[in-house]
Amino acid sequence: MDTIRSEQASQGCVIDVTDDDFDIAVVERSRAVPVLVDFWAPWCGPCRMLGPVLERVAADMGGRLQVARLNVDENPTTAARFQVHGIPLVKLFCEGAAIAEFVGAVPETAVRAFLDQHLPCEAAGEVKVAAAGLEAGDLDGARDAALAALAAGLPAPAAAQAHTVLAQVALRERDLDGATAHAASVPASAPEWELAQAIAAAAELGREAIAAGTEEEVRARIAASPPGSMEDAFALAGYHILNGELRSALEDLLALVERDRRWRDEAARKAMLTVFTLAGVRSPLSDEYRRRLSLLL
C-alpha cells in the first residue's frame, strides 16, 4: 500500500507536506486550486484504509484538486494548529482557509459526495471580489461577482457571504425587497447573521422613510418648522441610512433620543443599534456614537 502511495505521490496525485512547507504547499496553493489534506499517521489502521481512496479521487480529478497528506506524529505543530484530535482527519482548503472537513475512514462514495457538496470552491474567490467591489463602491461589480459565485455553487459559509453582499448592494440601491430576501437567506449559524439582520432592519427603516414622502419633502417639512416632527426627523435618518450616510443617520437619531428617548418604544435608540452593526460594531464611528449615547442615557 505504501508503495502505491509513493508512486502516485511522485506522479503529482498526492504530495507529502510538513510543518515547514504547509503554508506554501497548502494554504497558498489553495488560492489557485483546492487542496484536500489528509492528517494521518503510519500506525493508524483507518488512515491506511482511507489513503488509497484519496489517491484514486486525486487521480480522477486531475488538476482540479490537489491532495496532500501530513504525518501528525512528525509534524505536531501543524496538527496542533488545526486542532487535529482524531485521525484520519481530512480538511478541504480553498482561498487560503479550511472550509470543510470530515473524520474517519469513510467510503469512496462519501468522499466524492463531500467534494460534490463543497466544490467548486473556486467560486469563493468571486465572493472576495464581490466584497472588495462593495468596499470600493462598485455596486455593479459586487453584484455580478456575488451572483456568479452563487450560480457556480458554493458551500454554505461562502453562500452566506455572497447573500450578505447582495443584501448590502440591494439596500444601497433601494431595492428593499431584495435586501430583505437576501438577508433572510443568511442562516443564524453564519458569522454574517447579525449584519444580515441589521440590513433587514435598515430596509424596514427605509420603507418607513419612503412612506413619509420623498427625501426633499421630508427636508422641506423639517425646514419649515425646525427641528421638525419626530416622525419626519426619524424618516430623514432612514434616508441617510439608505444613502449610506451613517454618521448623519446617527447624529439625527441621537438628537431624537435626546428629544424623547421613549418615543415609539425607543425607536431611535434601536435604530442606532442597527446602524452600529451596519458600520461595524467595533468601528470608530460606532464607538464614538455608542459613547455619546451612553452619556445621554
Protein backbone atom coordinates (compact mmCIF):
# COMPACT_ATOMS: atom_id res chain seq x y z
CA MET A 1 0.00 0.00 0.00
CA ASP A 2 2.82 2.40 0.88
CA THR A 3 4.46 1.59 -2.47
CA ILE A 4 1.29 2.62 -4.31
CA ARG A 5 1.18 5.85 -2.30
CA SER A 6 4.77 6.69 -3.13
CA GLU A 7 4.29 6.06 -6.83
CA GLN A 8 1.18 8.19 -7.04
CA ALA A 9 2.75 10.97 -4.99
CA SER A 10 5.66 11.06 -7.43
CA GLN A 11 3.14 11.47 -10.25
CA GLY A 12 1.69 14.55 -8.56
CA CYS A 13 -1.59 12.98 -7.38
CA VAL A 14 -0.67 13.16 -3.70
CA ILE A 15 2.06 15.18 -2.04
CA ASP A 16 3.55 14.91 1.45
CA VAL A 17 3.65 18.16 3.41
CA THR A 18 5.36 19.15 6.66
CA ASP A 19 5.35 21.87 9.30
CA ASP A 20 7.96 23.72 7.27
CA ASP A 21 6.14 23.88 3.93
CA PHE A 22 2.45 23.65 4.92
CA ASP A 23 1.72 27.33 4.43
CA ILE A 24 3.19 27.34 0.93
CA ALA A 25 2.14 23.86 -0.22
CA VAL A 26 -1.39 24.01 1.20
CA VAL A 27 -2.54 27.45 2.34
CA GLU A 28 -1.07 29.47 -0.53
CA ARG A 29 -1.58 26.69 -3.08
CA SER A 30 -5.29 26.60 -2.20
CA ARG A 31 -5.65 30.11 -3.64
CA ALA A 32 -5.03 28.58 -7.08
CA VAL A 33 -6.57 25.11 -6.71
CA PRO A 34 -8.50 23.41 -3.87
CA VAL A 35 -6.27 21.30 -1.60
CA LEU A 36 -7.56 18.27 0.32
CA VAL A 37 -5.31 17.48 3.30
CA ASP A 38 -5.17 14.04 4.90
CA PHE A 39 -3.93 14.28 8.50
CA TRP A 40 -2.68 10.73 9.19
CA ALA A 41 -0.10 8.55 10.93
CA PRO A 42 1.53 5.26 9.82
CA TRP A 43 0.26 3.34 12.87
CA CYS A 44 -3.38 4.33 12.22
CA GLY A 45 -5.32 1.50 10.58
CA PRO A 46 -8.24 3.64 9.33
CA CYS A 47 -5.68 6.07 7.87
CA ARG A 48 -4.15 3.27 5.81
CA MET A 49 -7.64 2.37 4.57
CA LEU A 50 -8.51 5.94 3.58
CA GLY A 51 -5.21 6.70 1.84
CA PRO A 52 -5.83 4.71 -1.37
CA VAL A 53 -9.36 6.18 -1.60
CA LEU A 54 -7.98 9.71 -1.60
CA GLU A 55 -5.33 8.72 -4.14
CA ARG A 56 -7.98 7.42 -6.56
CA VAL A 57 -10.06 10.56 -6.14
CA ALA A 58 -6.99 12.73 -6.73
CA ALA A 59 -6.09 10.79 -9.88
CA ASP A 60 -9.65 11.09 -11.23
CA MET A 61 -9.85 14.84 -10.63
CA GLY A 62 -6.51 15.57 -12.23
CA GLY A 63 -5.51 19.19 -11.86
CA ARG A 64 -8.84 20.29 -10.40
CA LEU A 65 -7.84 19.12 -6.91
CA GLN A 66 -4.57 18.68 -5.06
CA VAL A 67 -4.42 16.04 -2.33
CA ALA A 68 -1.78 16.39 0.37
CA ARG A 69 -1.02 14.31 3.42
CA LEU A 70 0.60 15.32 6.70
CA ASN A 71 2.05 12.84 9.18
CA VAL A 72 0.79 14.21 12.51
CA ASP A 73 3.47 12.40 14.53
CA GLU A 74 6.28 14.03 12.57
CA ASN A 75 4.57 17.42 12.28
CA PRO A 76 2.93 18.19 15.62
CA THR A 77 2.97 21.98 15.17
CA THR A 78 0.61 21.93 12.19
CA ALA A 79 -1.52 19.21 13.79
CA ALA A 80 -1.99 21.40 16.87
CA ARG A 81 -2.58 24.50 14.76
CA PHE A 82 -5.52 22.85 13.01
CA GLN A 83 -6.81 21.14 16.15
CA VAL A 84 -6.29 17.58 14.97
CA HIS A 85 -7.63 15.48 17.84
CA GLY A 86 -8.51 12.32 15.95
CA ILE A 87 -7.28 10.75 12.72
CA PRO A 88 -7.79 10.31 9.89
CA LEU A 89 -8.98 13.89 9.64
CA VAL A 90 -9.43 15.37 6.15
CA LYS A 91 -9.74 19.12 5.62
CA LEU A 92 -10.54 20.95 2.40
CA PHE A 93 -8.64 24.20 1.88
CA CYS A 94 -9.76 26.88 -0.52
CA GLU A 95 -8.74 30.52 -0.92
CA GLY A 96 -6.26 30.18 1.93
CA ALA A 97 -8.65 28.72 4.52
CA ALA A 98 -10.06 25.39 5.64
CA ILE A 99 -13.71 25.44 4.59
CA ALA A 100 -14.89 21.89 5.39
CA GLU A 101 -13.73 18.62 6.92
CA PHE A 102 -14.63 15.02 7.73
CA VAL A 103 -13.27 12.45 10.15
CA GLY A 104 -12.74 8.72 9.73
CA ALA A 105 -12.17 6.17 7.01
CA VAL A 106 -15.32 6.94 5.04
CA PRO A 107 -16.10 5.05 1.81
CA GLU A 108 -15.14 6.47 -1.57
CA THR A 109 -18.74 7.41 -2.36
CA ALA A 110 -18.82 9.57 0.76
CA VAL A 111 -15.55 11.29 -0.16
CA ARG A 112 -16.90 12.10 -3.62
CA ALA A 113 -20.20 13.34 -2.14
CA PHE A 114 -18.21 15.56 0.23
CA LEU A 115 -16.34 17.09 -2.71
CA ASP A 116 -19.54 17.46 -4.75
CA GLN A 117 -21.01 19.44 -1.86
CA HIS A 118 -18.07 21.76 -1.30
CA LEU A 119 -16.62 22.24 -4.79
CA PRO A 120 -16.18 24.25 -6.91
CA CYS A 121 -14.77 26.26 -4.05
CA GLU A 122 -13.07 28.49 -6.59
CA ALA A 123 -16.42 30.29 -6.60
CA ALA A 124 -15.44 31.51 -3.15
CA GLY A 125 -12.92 33.72 -4.92
CA GLU A 126 -15.82 35.53 -6.56
CA VAL A 127 -17.18 36.27 -3.10
CA LYS A 128 -13.92 38.04 -2.24
CA VAL A 129 -14.18 40.03 -5.46
CA ALA A 130 -17.77 40.92 -4.56
CA ALA A 131 -16.79 42.08 -1.08
CA ALA A 132 -13.93 44.17 -2.48
CA GLY A 133 -16.24 45.73 -5.04
CA LEU A 134 -18.72 46.65 -2.32
CA GLU A 135 -15.96 48.22 -0.24
CA ALA A 136 -14.83 50.25 -3.26
CA GLY A 137 -18.37 51.38 -4.05
CA ASP A 138 -18.57 49.33 -7.25
CA LEU A 139 -22.11 48.07 -6.72
CA ASP A 140 -22.45 46.60 -10.21
CA GLY A 141 -19.20 44.69 -9.88
CA ALA A 142 -20.08 43.47 -6.40
CA ARG A 143 -23.50 42.27 -7.54
CA ASP A 144 -22.17 40.50 -10.63
CA ALA A 145 -19.42 38.70 -8.70
CA ALA A 146 -21.74 37.59 -5.89
CA LEU A 147 -24.37 36.33 -8.34
CA ALA A 148 -21.70 34.49 -10.34
CA ALA A 149 -20.46 32.82 -7.16
CA LEU A 150 -23.94 31.66 -6.19
CA ALA A 151 -24.61 30.38 -9.71
CA ALA A 152 -21.39 28.35 -9.68
CA GLY A 153 -22.35 26.67 -6.43
CA LEU A 154 -20.92 27.48 -3.02
CA PRO A 155 -20.54 25.77 0.33
CA ALA A 156 -22.87 27.22 2.94
CA PRO A 157 -20.34 29.59 4.60
CA ALA A 158 -19.39 31.26 1.32
CA ALA A 159 -23.02 31.38 0.16
CA ALA A 160 -23.90 33.30 3.33
CA GLN A 161 -21.17 35.81 2.50
CA ALA A 162 -22.49 36.20 -1.05
CA HIS A 163 -26.05 36.77 0.13
CA THR A 164 -24.80 39.34 2.64
CA VAL A 165 -23.01 41.25 -0.12
CA LEU A 166 -26.13 41.13 -2.30
CA ALA A 167 -28.27 42.34 0.60
CA GLN A 168 -25.95 45.31 1.12
CA VAL A 169 -25.94 46.15 -2.59
CA ALA A 170 -29.74 45.94 -2.73
CA LEU A 171 -30.06 48.22 0.31
CA ARG A 172 -27.83 50.85 -1.27
CA GLU A 173 -29.84 50.65 -4.48
CA ARG A 174 -33.10 50.96 -2.52
CA ASP A 175 -34.22 47.52 -3.63
CA LEU A 176 -35.67 46.93 -0.20
CA ASP A 177 -37.44 43.68 -1.06
CA GLY A 178 -34.19 42.32 -2.49
CA ALA A 179 -32.27 43.40 0.61
CA THR A 180 -34.77 41.64 2.85
CA ALA A 181 -34.79 38.48 0.72
CA HIS A 182 -31.01 38.13 0.61
CA ALA A 183 -30.72 38.89 4.33
CA ALA A 184 -33.25 36.13 5.02
CA SER A 185 -31.03 33.69 3.09
CA VAL A 186 -28.24 34.06 5.67
CA PRO A 187 -28.64 31.32 8.30
CA ALA A 188 -28.44 32.07 12.01
CA SER A 189 -25.34 29.90 12.25
CA ALA A 190 -23.38 32.17 9.87
CA PRO A 191 -20.98 34.83 11.20
CA GLU A 192 -22.76 37.32 8.92
CA TRP A 193 -26.16 36.70 10.54
CA GLU A 194 -26.14 39.79 12.77
CA LEU A 195 -25.18 42.00 9.84
CA ALA A 196 -27.92 40.40 7.75
CA GLN A 197 -30.45 41.13 10.49
CA ALA A 198 -29.29 44.74 10.60
CA ILE A 199 -29.70 45.02 6.82
CA ALA A 200 -33.25 43.71 7.09
CA ALA A 201 -33.97 46.20 9.88
CA ALA A 202 -32.46 49.01 7.79
CA ALA A 203 -34.72 48.01 4.91
CA GLU A 204 -37.72 48.47 7.21
CA LEU A 205 -36.44 51.89 8.23
CA GLY A 206 -36.08 52.71 4.55
CA ARG A 207 -39.65 51.66 3.83
CA GLU A 208 -40.90 53.90 6.62
CA ALA A 209 -38.87 56.82 5.30
CA ILE A 210 -40.21 56.40 1.77
CA ALA A 211 -43.78 56.15 3.12
CA ALA A 212 -43.28 59.58 4.75
CA GLY A 213 -42.65 61.17 1.36
CA THR A 214 -39.65 61.92 -0.80
CA GLU A 215 -36.44 63.00 0.91
CA GLU A 216 -36.95 66.52 -0.43
CA GLU A 217 -40.48 66.65 1.00
CA VAL A 218 -39.30 65.45 4.40
CA ARG A 219 -36.47 68.00 4.46
CA ALA A 220 -38.87 70.78 3.43
CA ARG A 221 -41.25 70.00 6.28
CA ILE A 222 -38.39 69.98 8.79
CA ALA A 223 -37.01 73.27 7.42
CA ALA A 224 -40.42 74.90 7.64
CA SER A 225 -40.69 74.15 11.36
CA PRO A 226 -37.35 73.01 12.79
CA PRO A 227 -36.45 70.62 14.29
CA GLY A 228 -39.50 69.05 12.66
CA SER A 229 -41.79 66.37 13.97
CA MET A 230 -40.33 63.23 15.50
CA GLU A 231 -41.75 61.29 12.56
CA ASP A 232 -40.07 63.47 9.93
CA ALA A 233 -36.74 63.53 11.77
CA PHE A 234 -36.88 59.74 12.04
CA ALA A 235 -37.73 59.46 8.33
CA LEU A 236 -34.77 61.67 7.42
CA ALA A 237 -32.49 59.37 9.44
CA GLY A 238 -33.91 56.50 7.40
CA TYR A 239 -33.00 58.29 4.18
CA HIS A 240 -29.49 58.85 5.49
CA ILE A 241 -29.20 55.09 6.06
CA LEU A 242 -30.39 54.37 2.52
CA ASN A 243 -27.85 56.88 1.19
CA GLY A 244 -25.04 55.22 3.15
CA GLU A 245 -24.64 58.41 5.23
CA LEU A 246 -24.29 56.57 8.52
CA ARG A 247 -22.74 59.42 10.52
CA SER A 248 -25.61 61.71 9.56
CA ALA A 249 -28.10 58.98 10.46
CA LEU A 250 -26.52 58.52 13.89
CA GLU A 251 -26.46 62.27 14.51
CA ASP A 252 -30.18 62.56 13.69
CA LEU A 253 -31.08 59.53 15.77
CA LEU A 254 -29.06 60.73 18.76
CA ALA A 255 -30.90 64.06 18.60
CA LEU A 256 -34.20 62.15 18.64
CA VAL A 257 -33.12 60.17 21.70
CA GLU A 258 -32.29 63.45 23.40
CA ARG A 259 -35.70 64.90 22.49
CA ASP A 260 -37.71 61.88 23.66
CA ARG A 261 -35.85 58.67 24.36
CA ARG A 262 -39.09 56.74 24.93
CA TRP A 263 -40.73 57.78 21.66
CA ARG A 264 -42.27 54.77 19.91
CA ASP A 265 -40.76 52.28 22.34
CA GLU A 266 -37.24 53.71 21.99
CA ALA A 267 -37.31 53.50 18.18
CA ALA A 268 -34.43 55.96 17.75
CA ARG A 269 -32.11 54.12 20.15
CA LYS A 270 -32.92 50.78 18.50
CA ALA A 271 -32.25 52.29 15.08
CA MET A 272 -28.85 53.44 16.34
CA LEU A 273 -28.02 49.84 17.25
CA THR A 274 -28.89 48.84 13.69
CA VAL A 275 -26.54 51.50 12.32
CA PHE A 276 -23.77 50.36 14.69
CA THR A 277 -23.95 46.89 13.11
CA LEU A 278 -24.05 48.30 9.58
CA ALA A 279 -20.99 50.44 10.29
CA GLY A 280 -19.17 47.66 12.13
CA VAL A 281 -19.85 47.06 15.81
CA ARG A 282 -16.29 47.98 16.80
CA SER A 283 -15.71 50.64 14.14
CA PRO A 284 -14.51 54.11 15.24
CA LEU A 285 -17.86 55.57 14.14
CA SER A 286 -19.84 53.11 16.26
CA ASP A 287 -17.53 53.56 19.24
CA GLU A 288 -17.94 57.34 19.07
CA TYR A 289 -21.72 57.32 18.97
CA ARG A 290 -22.01 54.47 21.46
CA ARG A 291 -20.13 56.62 23.96
CA ARG A 292 -22.31 59.62 23.20
CA LEU A 293 -25.48 57.55 23.53
CA SER A 294 -24.28 56.12 26.84
CA LEU A 295 -23.60 59.59 28.22
CA LEU A 296 -27.03 60.76 27.10
CA LEU A 297 -28.83 57.84 28.67
